[in-house]
PDB file of N, CA and C in Angstrom:
ATOM      1  N   MET A   1      -6.720  30.058 -18.661  1.00  0.00           N
ATOM      2  CA  MET A   1      -7.273  28.752 -18.125  1.00  0.00           C
ATOM      3  C   MET A   1      -5.985  27.948 -17.435  1.00  0.00           C
ATOM      4  N   GLN A   2      -6.060  27.679 -16.104  1.00  0.00           N
ATOM      5  CA  GLN A   2      -4.749  26.655 -15.987  1.00  0.00           C
ATOM      6  C   GLN A   2      -5.338  25.375 -16.095  1.00  0.00           C
ATOM      7  N   VAL A   3      -4.422  24.727 -16.563  1.00  0.00           N
ATOM      8  CA  VAL A   3      -4.842  22.941 -16.721  1.00  0.00           C
ATOM      9  C   VAL A   3      -4.098  22.087 -15.501  1.00  0.00           C
ATOM     10  N   ALA A   4      -4.423  21.568 -14.529  1.00  0.00           N
ATOM     11  CA  ALA A   4      -3.829  20.890 -14.019  1.00  0.00           C
ATOM     12  C   ALA A   4      -3.542  19.615 -14.354  1.00  0.00           C
ATOM     13  N   PRO A   5      -1.748  19.214 -13.564  1.00  0.00           N
ATOM     14  CA  PRO A   5      -0.654  18.295 -13.811  1.00  0.00           C
ATOM     15  C   PRO A   5      -1.346  17.223 -14.178  1.00  0.00           C
ATOM     16  N   ARG A   6      -0.883  16.048 -15.092  1.00  0.00           N
ATOM     17  CA  ARG A   6      -1.381  15.023 -15.633  1.00  0.00           C
ATOM     18  C   ARG A   6      -0.348  13.955 -15.027  1.00  0.00           C
ATOM     19  N   MET A   7      -0.908  13.051 -14.625  1.00  0.00           N
ATOM     20  CA  MET A   7      -0.422  11.785 -14.069  1.00  0.00           C
ATOM     21  C   MET A   7      -0.216  10.486 -14.973  1.00  0.00           C
ATOM     22  N   THR A   8       1.194  10.213 -15.202  1.00  0.00           N
ATOM     23  CA  THR A   8       0.935   8.587 -16.074  1.00  0.00           C
ATOM     24  C   THR A   8       1.517   7.348 -15.089  1.00  0.00           C
ATOM     25  N   VAL A   9       0.152   6.281 -15.005  1.00  0.00           N
ATOM     26  CA  VAL A   9       0.520   5.592 -13.861  1.00  0.00           C
ATOM     27  C   VAL A   9       0.247   4.232 -14.682  1.00  0.00           C
ATOM     28  N   ALA A  10       1.370   2.959 -14.462  1.00  0.00           N
ATOM     29  CA  ALA A  10       1.063   1.821 -14.872  1.00  0.00           C
ATOM     30  C   ALA A  10      -0.094   1.213 -14.734  1.00  0.00           C
ATOM     31  N   MET A  11      -0.945   0.415 -15.290  1.00  0.00           N
ATOM     32  CA  MET A  11      -1.710  -0.665 -15.299  1.00  0.00           C
ATOM     33  C   MET A  11      -1.805  -1.620 -14.750  1.00  0.00           C
ATOM     34  N   PRO A  12      -2.205  -2.127 -13.768  1.00  0.00           N
ATOM     35  CA  PRO A  12      -2.168  -3.175 -13.136  1.00  0.00           C
ATOM     36  C   PRO A  12      -2.840  -4.626 -14.138  1.00  0.00           C
ATOM     37  N   ASN A  13      -2.222  -5.775 -14.180  1.00  0.00           N
ATOM     38  CA  ASN A  13      -2.876  -6.833 -15.014  1.00  0.00           C
ATOM     39  C   ASN A  13      -2.785  -5.906 -16.440  1.00  0.00           C
ATOM     40  N   ALA A  14      -2.246  -5.512 -17.167  1.00  0.00           N
ATOM     41  CA  ALA A  14      -2.251  -5.369 -18.548  1.00  0.00           C
ATOM     42  C   ALA A  14      -0.493  -5.725 -18.883  1.00  0.00           C
ATOM     43  N   SER A  15      -0.733  -5.293 -20.407  1.00  0.00           N
ATOM     44  CA  SER A  15       0.752  -5.967 -20.791  1.00  0.00           C
ATOM     45  C   SER A  15       1.942  -4.908 -20.199  1.00  0.00           C
ATOM     46  N   PRO A  16       3.068  -5.293 -20.579  1.00  0.00           N
ATOM     47  CA  PRO A  16       4.256  -4.987 -19.902  1.00  0.00           C
ATOM     48  C   PRO A  16       4.337  -3.750 -20.627  1.00  0.00           C
ATOM     49  N   GLY A  17       4.685  -2.717 -19.546  1.00  0.00           N
ATOM     50  CA  GLY A  17       4.841  -1.054 -20.345  1.00  0.00           C
ATOM     51  C   GLY A  17       3.610  -0.384 -20.311  1.00  0.00           C
ATOM     52  N   ALA A  18       2.495  -1.056 -20.118  1.00  0.00           N
ATOM     53  CA  ALA A  18       1.353  -0.401 -20.691  1.00  0.00           C
ATOM     54  C   ALA A  18       1.050   1.005 -19.099  1.00  0.00           C
ATOM     55  N   SER A  19       0.346   1.993 -19.837  1.00  0.00           N
ATOM     56  CA  SER A  19       0.369   2.766 -18.920  1.00  0.00           C
ATOM     57  C   SER A  19      -1.205   3.549 -19.112  1.00  0.00           C
ATOM     58  N   GLN A  20      -1.510   4.467 -18.430  1.00  0.00           N
ATOM     59  CA  GLN A  20      -2.858   5.356 -18.611  1.00  0.00           C
ATOM     60  C   GLN A  20      -1.952   6.398 -18.097  1.00  0.00           C
ATOM     61  N   ILE A  21      -3.289   7.791 -18.566  1.00  0.00           N
ATOM     62  CA  ILE A  21      -3.134   8.855 -18.201  1.00  0.00           C
ATOM     63  C   ILE A  21      -4.255   9.202 -17.181  1.00  0.00           C
ATOM     64  N   VAL A  22      -3.840   9.725 -16.004  1.00  0.00           N
ATOM     65  CA  VAL A  22      -4.736  10.346 -14.649  1.00  0.00           C
ATOM     66  C   VAL A  22      -5.196  11.867 -14.619  1.00  0.00           C
ATOM     67  N   ASP A  23      -6.472  12.036 -14.528  1.00  0.00           N
ATOM     68  CA  ASP A  23      -6.504  13.205 -14.497  1.00  0.00           C
ATOM     69  C   ASP A  23      -7.063  13.951 -13.326  1.00  0.00           C
ATOM     70  N   VAL A  24      -7.475  12.351 -12.426  1.00  0.00           N
ATOM     71  CA  VAL A  24      -7.916  12.986 -10.907  1.00  0.00           C
ATOM     72  C   VAL A  24      -7.604  11.744 -10.106  1.00  0.00           C
ATOM     73  N   LEU A  25      -6.931  11.658  -8.854  1.00  0.00           N
ATOM     74  CA  LEU A  25      -6.302  10.698  -8.062  1.00  0.00           C
ATOM     75  C   LEU A  25      -7.060  10.637  -6.829  1.00  0.00           C
ATOM     76  N   PHE A  26      -8.300   9.712  -6.515  1.00  0.00           N
ATOM     77  CA  PHE A  26      -9.034   9.844  -5.339  1.00  0.00           C
ATOM     78  C   PHE A  26      -8.674   8.312  -4.732  1.00  0.00           C
ATOM     79  N   PRO A  27      -7.809   8.758  -3.597  1.00  0.00           N
ATOM     80  CA  PRO A  27      -7.297   7.793  -2.449  1.00  0.00           C
ATOM     81  C   PRO A  27      -8.594   7.432  -1.397  1.00  0.00           C
ATOM     82  N   VAL A  28      -8.970   6.126  -1.634  1.00  0.00           N
ATOM     83  CA  VAL A  28      -9.932   5.824  -0.967  1.00  0.00           C
ATOM     84  C   VAL A  28      -8.898   4.750  -0.323  1.00  0.00           C
ATOM     85  N   LEU A  29      -8.450   5.246   0.797  1.00  0.00           N
ATOM     86  CA  LEU A  29      -7.828   4.251   2.028  1.00  0.00           C
ATOM     87  C   LEU A  29      -7.907   4.148   3.214  1.00  0.00           C
ATOM     88  N   HIS A  30      -7.398   3.502   4.086  1.00  0.00           N
ATOM     89  CA  HIS A  30      -7.022   3.187   5.349  1.00  0.00           C
ATOM     90  C   HIS A  30      -6.247   3.324   6.346  1.00  0.00           C
ATOM     91  N   GLY A  31      -6.268   3.961   7.134  1.00  0.00           N
ATOM     92  CA  GLY A  31      -4.781   3.657   7.840  1.00  0.00           C
ATOM     93  C   GLY A  31      -3.337   3.981   7.466  1.00  0.00           C
ATOM     94  N   SER A  32      -2.526   3.499   8.030  1.00  0.00           N
ATOM     95  CA  SER A  32      -0.998   3.939   8.315  1.00  0.00           C
ATOM     96  C   SER A  32      -0.428   2.979   6.740  1.00  0.00           C
ATOM     97  N   MET A  33       0.119   3.969   5.976  1.00  0.00           N
ATOM     98  CA  MET A  33       0.268   3.995   4.413  1.00  0.00           C
ATOM     99  C   MET A  33      -0.414   4.134   3.691  1.00  0.00           C
ATOM    100  N   GLY A  34      -1.739   4.944   3.981  1.00  0.00           N
ATOM    101  CA  GLY A  34      -3.064   5.415   3.256  1.00  0.00           C
ATOM    102  C   GLY A  34      -2.911   6.702   3.534  1.00  0.00           C
ATOM    103  N   GLU A  35      -4.283   6.658   4.754  1.00  0.00           N
ATOM    104  CA  GLU A  35      -4.549   8.267   5.048  1.00  0.00           C
ATOM    105  C   GLU A  35      -3.852   8.937   5.493  1.00  0.00           C
ATOM    106  N   ASP A  36      -2.304   8.398   5.828  1.00  0.00           N
ATOM    107  CA  ASP A  36      -1.641   9.140   6.887  1.00  0.00           C
ATOM    108  C   ASP A  36      -0.844  10.002   6.129  1.00  0.00           C
ATOM    109  N   GLY A  37      -0.754  10.276   4.977  1.00  0.00           N
ATOM    110  CA  GLY A  37       0.064  11.400   3.855  1.00  0.00           C
ATOM    111  C   GLY A  37       1.097  10.577   3.095  1.00  0.00           C
ATOM    112  N   ALA A  38       1.015   8.997   3.340  1.00  0.00           N
ATOM    113  CA  ALA A  38       1.940   8.720   2.697  1.00  0.00           C
ATOM    114  C   ALA A  38       1.863   8.749   0.860  1.00  0.00           C
ATOM    115  N   MET A  39       0.888   8.405   0.689  1.00  0.00           N
ATOM    116  CA  MET A  39       0.022   8.259  -0.616  1.00  0.00           C
ATOM    117  C   MET A  39       0.557   9.853  -1.067  1.00  0.00           C
ATOM    118  N   GLN A  40      -0.032  10.534  -0.421  1.00  0.00           N
ATOM    119  CA  GLN A  40      -0.098  11.873  -0.847  1.00  0.00           C
ATOM    120  C   GLN A  40       1.284  12.141  -0.997  1.00  0.00           C
ATOM    121  N   ALA A  41       2.258  11.904  -0.500  1.00  0.00           N
ATOM    122  CA  ALA A  41       3.568  12.225  -0.830  1.00  0.00           C
ATOM    123  C   ALA A  41       4.302  11.416  -1.911  1.00  0.00           C
ATOM    124  N   CYS A  42       4.036  10.147  -1.977  1.00  0.00           N
ATOM    125  CA  CYS A  42       3.972   9.746  -3.425  1.00  0.00           C
ATOM    126  C   CYS A  42       3.603  10.275  -4.992  1.00  0.00           C
ATOM    127  N   SER A  43       2.574  10.969  -4.808  1.00  0.00           N
ATOM    128  CA  SER A  43       1.922  11.584  -5.625  1.00  0.00           C
ATOM    129  C   SER A  43       2.512  13.106  -6.087  1.00  0.00           C
ATOM    130  N   LYS A  44       3.294  13.485  -5.066  1.00  0.00           N
ATOM    131  CA  LYS A  44       3.834  14.916  -5.427  1.00  0.00           C
ATOM    132  C   LYS A  44       4.729  14.970  -6.145  1.00  0.00           C
ATOM    133  N   SER A  45       5.452  13.599  -7.067  1.00  0.00           N
ATOM    134  CA  SER A  45       6.369  13.784  -7.828  1.00  0.00           C
ATOM    135  C   SER A  45       5.512  12.640  -9.138  1.00  0.00           C
ATOM    136  N   PRO A  46       5.207  12.989 -10.144  1.00  0.00           N
ATOM    137  CA  PRO A  46       5.227  14.280 -10.520  1.00  0.00           C
ATOM    138  C   PRO A  46       4.226  15.063  -9.901  1.00  0.00           C
ATOM    139  N   PRO A  47       4.390  16.661  -9.588  1.00  0.00           N
ATOM    140  CA  PRO A  47       3.163  17.089  -8.719  1.00  0.00           C
ATOM    141  C   PRO A  47       1.288  16.469  -9.039  1.00  0.00           C
ATOM    142  N   PHE A  48       0.993  16.336  -8.327  1.00  0.00           N
ATOM    143  CA  PHE A  48      -0.195  15.968  -8.527  1.00  0.00           C
ATOM    144  C   PHE A  48      -1.092  16.599  -7.410  1.00  0.00           C
ATOM    145  N   PRO A  49      -2.530  17.268  -7.884  1.00  0.00           N
ATOM    146  CA  PRO A  49      -3.298  17.977  -6.745  1.00  0.00           C
ATOM    147  C   PRO A  49      -3.700  17.082  -5.465  1.00  0.00           C
ATOM    148  N   MET A  50      -3.704  17.392  -4.707  1.00  0.00           N
ATOM    149  CA  MET A  50      -4.090  16.866  -3.703  1.00  0.00           C
ATOM    150  C   MET A  50      -5.299  17.365  -2.572  1.00  0.00           C
ATOM    151  N   TRP A  51      -6.169  16.942  -2.158  1.00  0.00           N
ATOM    152  CA  TRP A  51      -7.554  17.547  -1.196  1.00  0.00           C
ATOM    153  C   TRP A  51      -6.650  17.872  -0.291  1.00  0.00           C
ATOM    154  N   ALA A  52      -6.091  17.498   0.614  1.00  0.00           N
ATOM    155  CA  ALA A  52      -5.257  17.627   2.015  1.00  0.00           C
ATOM    156  C   ALA A  52      -3.940  17.562   2.199  1.00  0.00           C
ATOM    157  N   GLY A  53      -3.046  16.976   1.078  1.00  0.00           N
ATOM    158  CA  GLY A  53      -1.634  17.447   1.237  1.00  0.00           C
ATOM    159  C   GLY A  53      -1.349  16.107   2.288  1.00  0.00           C
ATOM    160  N   VAL A  54       0.332  16.276   2.234  1.00  0.00           N
ATOM    161  CA  VAL A  54       0.754  15.179   3.368  1.00  0.00           C
ATOM    162  C   VAL A  54       0.465  15.367   4.645  1.00  0.00           C
ATOM    163  N   LEU A  55       0.636  16.994   5.154  1.00  0.00           N
ATOM    164  CA  LEU A  55       0.455  17.316   5.862  1.00  0.00           C
ATOM    165  C   LEU A  55      -0.977  17.570   7.088  1.00  0.00           C
ATOM    166  N   GLY A  56      -2.056  17.773   6.172  1.00  0.00           N
ATOM    167  CA  GLY A  56      -3.491  17.777   6.369  1.00  0.00           C
ATOM    168  C   GLY A  56      -3.889  16.351   6.489  1.00  0.00           C
ATOM    169  N   SER A  57      -3.489  15.306   5.808  1.00  0.00           N
ATOM    170  CA  SER A  57      -3.397  13.911   5.863  1.00  0.00           C
ATOM    171  C   SER A  57      -2.819  13.299   7.249  1.00  0.00           C
ATOM    172  N   ALA A  58      -1.474  13.437   7.586  1.00  0.00           N
ATOM    173  CA  ALA A  58      -0.740  13.109   8.997  1.00  0.00           C
ATOM    174  C   ALA A  58      -1.881  13.565   9.913  1.00  0.00           C
ATOM    175  N   ILE A  59      -2.062  15.152  10.351  1.00  0.00           N
ATOM    176  CA  ILE A  59      -2.569  15.498  11.166  1.00  0.00           C
ATOM    177  C   ILE A  59      -4.136  14.812  11.242  1.00  0.00           C
ATOM    178  N   GLY A  60      -4.274  14.550  10.115  1.00  0.00           N
ATOM    179  CA  GLY A  60      -6.099  13.818  10.282  1.00  0.00           C
ATOM    180  C   GLY A  60      -5.915  12.278  11.056  1.00  0.00           C
ATOM    181  N   MET A  61      -4.677  11.815  11.131  1.00  0.00           N
ATOM    182  CA  MET A  61      -4.556  10.636  11.484  1.00  0.00           C
ATOM    183  C   MET A  61      -4.605  10.511  13.218  1.00  0.00           C
ATOM    184  N   ASP A  62      -3.988  11.509  13.311  1.00  0.00           N
ATOM    185  CA  ASP A  62      -3.727  12.098  14.772  1.00  0.00           C
ATOM    186  C   ASP A  62      -5.119  12.979  15.602  1.00  0.00           C
ATOM    187  N   LYS A  63      -5.637  11.557  15.980  1.00  0.00           N
ATOM    188  CA  LYS A  63      -7.123  12.415  16.701  1.00  0.00           C
ATOM    189  C   LYS A  63      -7.003  13.586  17.550  1.00  0.00           C
ATOM    190  N   ASP A  64      -6.237  13.354  18.392  1.00  0.00           N
ATOM    191  CA  ASP A  64      -5.397  14.684  18.952  1.00  0.00           C
ATOM    192  C   ASP A  64      -5.339  15.558  18.840  1.00  0.00           C
ATOM    193  N   VAL A  65      -4.366  15.691  17.883  1.00  0.00           N
ATOM    194  CA  VAL A  65      -3.694  16.545  17.342  1.00  0.00           C
ATOM    195  C   VAL A  65      -4.395  17.236  16.418  1.00  0.00           C
ATOM    196  N   MET A  66      -5.495  16.407  15.652  1.00  0.00           N
ATOM    197  CA  MET A  66      -6.568  17.121  14.887  1.00  0.00           C
ATOM    198  C   MET A  66      -7.379  18.139  15.690  1.00  0.00           C
ATOM    199  N   LYS A  67      -8.061  17.151  16.698  1.00  0.00           N
ATOM    200  CA  LYS A  67      -9.190  18.170  17.434  1.00  0.00           C
ATOM    201  C   LYS A  67      -8.316  19.686  18.232  1.00  0.00           C
ATOM    202  N   ARG A  68      -7.162  19.156  18.519  1.00  0.00           N
ATOM    203  CA  ARG A  68      -6.419  20.803  19.677  1.00  0.00           C
ATOM    204  C   ARG A  68      -6.429  21.623  18.341  1.00  0.00           C
ATOM    205  N   LEU A  69      -5.888  21.480  16.970  1.00  0.00           N
ATOM    206  CA  LEU A  69      -5.588  22.296  16.115  1.00  0.00           C
ATOM    207  C   LEU A  69      -7.096  22.779  15.650  1.00  0.00           C
ATOM    208  N   LEU A  70      -8.234  21.826  15.894  1.00  0.00           N
ATOM    209  CA  LEU A  70      -9.393  22.155  14.848  1.00  0.00           C
ATOM    210  C   LEU A  70      -9.924  23.393  16.255  1.00  0.00           C
ATOM    211  N   ARG A  71      -9.951  23.046  17.281  1.00  0.00           N
ATOM    212  CA  ARG A  71     -10.645  23.965  18.421  1.00  0.00           C
ATOM    213  C   ARG A  71     -10.071  25.562  18.682  1.00  0.00           C
ATOM    214  N   GLU A  72      -8.441  25.617  18.388  1.00  0.00           N
ATOM    215  CA  GLU A  72      -7.643  26.450  18.378  1.00  0.00           C
ATOM    216  C   GLU A  72      -7.776  27.493  17.010  1.00  0.00           C
ATOM    217  N   ALA A  73      -8.324  27.082  15.828  1.00  0.00           N
ATOM    218  CA  ALA A  73      -8.913  27.739  14.560  1.00  0.00           C
ATOM    219  C   ALA A  73     -10.601  27.858  15.491  1.00  0.00           C
ATOM    220  N   GLN A  74     -10.887  27.743  16.172  1.00  0.00           N
ATOM    221  CA  GLN A  74     -12.444  28.055  16.690  1.00  0.00           C
ATOM    222  C   GLN A  74     -13.173  27.376  15.994  1.00  0.00           C
ATOM    223  N   VAL A  75     -12.956  26.293  15.396  1.00  0.00           N
ATOM    224  CA  VAL A  75     -13.637  25.081  14.833  1.00  0.00           C
ATOM    225  C   VAL A  75     -14.398  24.246  15.612  1.00  0.00           C
ATOM    226  N   ALA A  76     -15.817  24.228  16.093  1.00  0.00           N
ATOM    227  CA  ALA A  76     -16.303  23.280  16.991  1.00  0.00           C
ATOM    228  C   ALA A  76     -16.389  22.164  16.667  1.00  0.00           C
ATOM    229  N   VAL A  77     -15.828  21.622  17.986  1.00  0.00           N
ATOM    230  CA  VAL A  77     -15.529  19.721  17.781  1.00  0.00           C
ATOM    231  C   VAL A  77     -15.960  19.419  19.423  1.00  0.00           C
ATOM    232  N   THR A  78     -16.709  18.285  19.240  1.00  0.00           N
ATOM    233  CA  THR A  78     -17.209  17.660  20.631  1.00  0.00           C
ATOM    234  C   THR A  78     -16.021  17.803  21.765  1.00  0.00           C
ATOM    235  N   GLN A  79     -17.110  17.267  22.735  1.00  0.00           N
ATOM    236  CA  GLN A  79     -16.076  17.189  23.758  1.00  0.00           C
ATOM    237  C   GLN A  79     -15.404  15.839  23.869  1.00  0.00           C
ATOM    238  N   PHE A  80     -13.513  15.682  23.964  1.00  0.00           N
ATOM    239  CA  PHE A  80     -12.920  14.866  23.816  1.00  0.00           C
ATOM    240  C   PHE A  80     -12.150  14.760  25.320  1.00  0.00           C
ATOM    241  N   ARG A  81     -11.258  13.795  25.636  1.00  0.00           N
ATOM    242  CA  ARG A  81     -10.027  13.521  26.741  1.00  0.00           C
ATOM    243  C   ARG A  81      -9.258  12.882  25.665  1.00  0.00           C
ATOM    244  N   THR A  82      -7.963  13.021  25.938  1.00  0.00           N
ATOM    245  CA  THR A  82      -6.627  12.059  25.399  1.00  0.00           C
ATOM    246  C   THR A  82      -6.201  11.110  26.587  1.00  0.00           C
ATOM    247  N   LEU A  83      -6.405   9.964  26.609  1.00  0.00           N
ATOM    248  CA  LEU A  83      -5.957   9.393  27.473  1.00  0.00           C
ATOM    249  C   LEU A  83      -4.462   8.570  27.175  1.00  0.00           C
ATOM    250  N   ARG A  84      -3.422   8.938  27.678  1.00  0.00           N
ATOM    251  CA  ARG A  84      -2.424   8.344  27.407  1.00  0.00           C
ATOM    252  C   ARG A  84      -1.909   7.268  27.886  1.00  0.00           C
ATOM    253  N   HIS A  85      -1.080   6.088  27.446  1.00  0.00           N
ATOM    254  CA  HIS A  85      -1.203   4.566  27.949  1.00  0.00           C
ATOM    255  C   HIS A  85      -0.271   5.090  29.195  1.00  0.00           C
ATOM    256  N   ASP A  86       0.843   5.665  29.398  1.00  0.00           N
ATOM    257  CA  ASP A  86       1.387   5.602  30.515  1.00  0.00           C
ATOM    258  C   ASP A  86       0.205   6.050  31.826  1.00  0.00           C
ATOM    259  N   ARG A  87      -0.524   6.891  31.808  1.00  0.00           N
ATOM    260  CA  ARG A  87      -1.524   7.338  32.674  1.00  0.00           C
ATOM    261  C   ARG A  87      -2.332   6.252  32.866  1.00  0.00           C
ATOM    262  N   PHE A  88      -3.067   5.579  31.851  1.00  0.00           N
ATOM    263  CA  PHE A  88      -3.805   4.092  32.453  1.00  0.00           C
ATOM    264  C   PHE A  88      -3.347   3.495  32.819  1.00  0.00           C
ATOM    265  N   ASP A  89      -1.860   3.397  32.613  1.00  0.00           N
ATOM    266  CA  ASP A  89      -1.032   1.977  32.951  1.00  0.00           C
ATOM    267  C   ASP A  89      -0.508   2.281  34.782  1.00  0.00           C
ATOM    268  N   ALA A  90      -0.357   3.886  35.128  1.00  0.00           N
ATOM    269  CA  ALA A  90       0.081   4.104  36.749  1.00  0.00           C
ATOM    270  C   ALA A  90      -1.488   3.763  37.652  1.00  0.00           C
ATOM    271  N   ASP A  91      -2.782   4.006  36.865  1.00  0.00           N
ATOM    272  CA  ASP A  91      -3.992   3.678  37.784  1.00  0.00           C
ATOM    273  C   ASP A  91      -5.235   3.579  36.462  1.00  0.00           C
ATOM    274  N   PRO A  92      -5.220   2.739  36.185  1.00  0.00           N
ATOM    275  CA  PRO A  92      -6.678   2.419  35.087  1.00  0.00           C
ATOM    276  C   PRO A  92      -7.954   2.654  35.963  1.00  0.00           C
ATOM    277  N   GLN A  93      -8.252   2.250  37.124  1.00  0.00           N
ATOM    278  CA  GLN A  93      -9.631   3.241  37.592  1.00  0.00           C
ATOM    279  C   GLN A  93      -9.143   4.342  37.350  1.00  0.00           C
ATOM    280  N   GLN A  94      -8.455   5.413  37.866  1.00  0.00           N
ATOM    281  CA  GLN A  94      -9.326   6.506  38.239  1.00  0.00           C
ATOM    282  C   GLN A  94      -9.007   7.099  36.714  1.00  0.00           C
ATOM    283  N   ALA A  95      -7.982   6.700  35.537  1.00  0.00           N
ATOM    284  CA  ALA A  95      -8.064   7.263  34.082  1.00  0.00           C
ATOM    285  C   ALA A  95      -9.766   7.189  33.463  1.00  0.00           C
ATOM    286  N   CYS A  96      -9.842   5.631  33.965  1.00  0.00           N
ATOM    287  CA  CYS A  96     -11.659   5.298  33.278  1.00  0.00           C
ATOM    288  C   CYS A  96     -12.457   6.718  33.898  1.00  0.00           C
ATOM    289  N   GLN A  97     -12.633   6.854  35.082  1.00  0.00           N
ATOM    290  CA  GLN A  97     -13.347   7.490  35.678  1.00  0.00           C
ATOM    291  C   GLN A  97     -13.454   8.802  35.384  1.00  0.00           C
ATOM    292  N   ASP A  98     -11.910   9.405  35.186  1.00  0.00           N
ATOM    293  CA  ASP A  98     -11.834  10.492  34.441  1.00  0.00           C
ATOM    294  C   ASP A  98     -12.426  10.790  33.037  1.00  0.00           C
ATOM    295  N   LEU A  99     -12.501   9.552  32.211  1.00  0.00           N
ATOM    296  CA  LEU A  99     -12.908   9.593  31.183  1.00  0.00           C
ATOM    297  C   LEU A  99     -14.723   9.454  31.338  1.00  0.00           C
ATOM    298  N   LEU A 100     -14.965   8.946  31.990  1.00  0.00           N
ATOM    299  CA  LEU A 100     -16.497   9.120  32.541  1.00  0.00           C
ATOM    300  C   LEU A 100     -16.954  10.261  33.014  1.00  0.00           C
ATOM    301  N   ALA A 101     -16.310  11.454  33.042  1.00  0.00           N
ATOM    302  CA  ALA A 101     -16.827  12.449  33.432  1.00  0.00           C
ATOM    303  C   ALA A 101     -17.187  13.131  32.070  1.00  0.00           C
ATOM    304  N   LEU A 102     -16.645  12.615  31.151  1.00  0.00           N
ATOM    305  CA  LEU A 102     -17.626  13.335  29.605  1.00  0.00           C
ATOM    306  C   LEU A 102     -19.379  12.782  29.589  1.00  0.00           C
ATOM    307  N   GLY A 103     -19.524  11.917  30.831  1.00  0.00           N
ATOM    308  CA  GLY A 103     -20.720  11.815  30.467  1.00  0.00           C
ATOM    309  C   GLY A 103     -21.307  10.309  29.166  1.00  0.00           C
ATOM    310  N   LEU A 104     -22.311   9.868  29.447  1.00  0.00           N
ATOM    311  CA  LEU A 104     -22.704   8.769  28.554  1.00  0.00           C
ATOM    312  C   LEU A 104     -23.350   8.782  27.812  1.00  0.00           C
ATOM    313  N   PRO A 105     -23.487   8.701  26.354  1.00  0.00           N
ATOM    314  CA  PRO A 105     -22.870   7.547  25.996  1.00  0.00           C
ATOM    315  C   PRO A 105     -21.316   8.178  25.447  1.00  0.00           C
ATOM    316  N   LEU A 106     -20.298   7.037  25.737  1.00  0.00           N
ATOM    317  CA  LEU A 106     -19.137   7.557  25.466  1.00  0.00           C
ATOM    318  C   LEU A 106     -18.023   6.719  23.991  1.00  0.00           C
ATOM    319  N   PHE A 107     -17.640   7.244  23.454  1.00  0.00           N
ATOM    320  CA  PHE A 107     -17.418   6.655  22.386  1.00  0.00           C
ATOM    321  C   PHE A 107     -15.629   6.455  22.762  1.00  0.00           C
ATOM    322  N   THR A 108     -15.298   5.752  22.279  1.00  0.00           N
ATOM    323  CA  THR A 108     -13.357   5.444  22.569  1.00  0.00           C
ATOM    324  C   THR A 108     -12.908   4.914  21.180  1.00  0.00           C
ATOM    325  N   LYS A 109     -11.932   5.610  21.182  1.00  0.00           N
ATOM    326  CA  LYS A 109     -10.937   4.777  19.695  1.00  0.00           C
ATOM    327  C   LYS A 109      -9.722   5.506  19.629  1.00  0.00           C
ATOM    328  N   PRO A 110      -8.556   4.483  19.095  1.00  0.00           N
ATOM    329  CA  PRO A 110      -7.265   5.047  19.391  1.00  0.00           C
ATOM    330  C   PRO A 110      -6.881   6.590  18.857  1.00  0.00           C
ATOM    331  N   ALA A 111      -6.102   7.314  19.474  1.00  0.00           N
ATOM    332  CA  ALA A 111      -5.494   8.728  19.150  1.00  0.00           C
ATOM    333  C   ALA A 111      -5.219   8.475  17.614  1.00  0.00           C
ATOM    334  N   ASN A 112      -4.023   7.387  17.587  1.00  0.00           N
ATOM    335  CA  ASN A 112      -3.593   7.481  16.078  1.00  0.00           C
ATOM    336  C   ASN A 112      -2.950   5.753  16.362  1.00  0.00           C
ATOM    337  N   ALA A 113      -2.386   5.419  15.176  1.00  0.00           N
ATOM    338  CA  ALA A 113      -1.832   4.115  14.874  1.00  0.00           C
ATOM    339  C   ALA A 113      -0.727   3.835  15.709  1.00  0.00           C
ATOM    340  N   VAL A 114       0.147   4.726  15.926  1.00  0.00           N
ATOM    341  CA  VAL A 114       1.619   4.460  16.840  1.00  0.00           C
ATOM    342  C   VAL A 114       1.131   3.796  18.032  1.00  0.00           C
ATOM    343  N   HIS A 115       2.426   3.015  17.898  1.00  0.00           N
ATOM    344  CA  HIS A 115       1.965   2.128  19.130  1.00  0.00           C
ATOM    345  C   HIS A 115       3.457   2.100  20.123  1.00  0.00           C
ATOM    346  N   PRO A 116       3.525   2.214  21.471  1.00  0.00           N
ATOM    347  CA  PRO A 116       4.720   2.803  22.026  1.00  0.00           C
ATOM    348  C   PRO A 116       5.677   1.583  22.146  1.00  0.00           C
TER     349      PRO A 116
END
């Protein structure tokens, strides 16, 4: 039987130098510096098992890349379009019309948190 590595972490609001051994790390985080793989990268030293890892988390943060990779792996994904800011800036009305070709109702959100 293989035993998973253990991690010792400092305990907030405890006496100086207090620590606790952690068997399971469940990162409940949202957005940049959280679900983008940054936390998973920190937990690699010492090694600590993570579900998605750094790459999986980073890919999951970019909806366009994630859906393309899922589609390539023959995983069913809903119809989608990626609207890039330069295309929208050039002709906002046409860009919106292209999106409406998906039909209604239509759900939009940023593909990632990267700003131009």
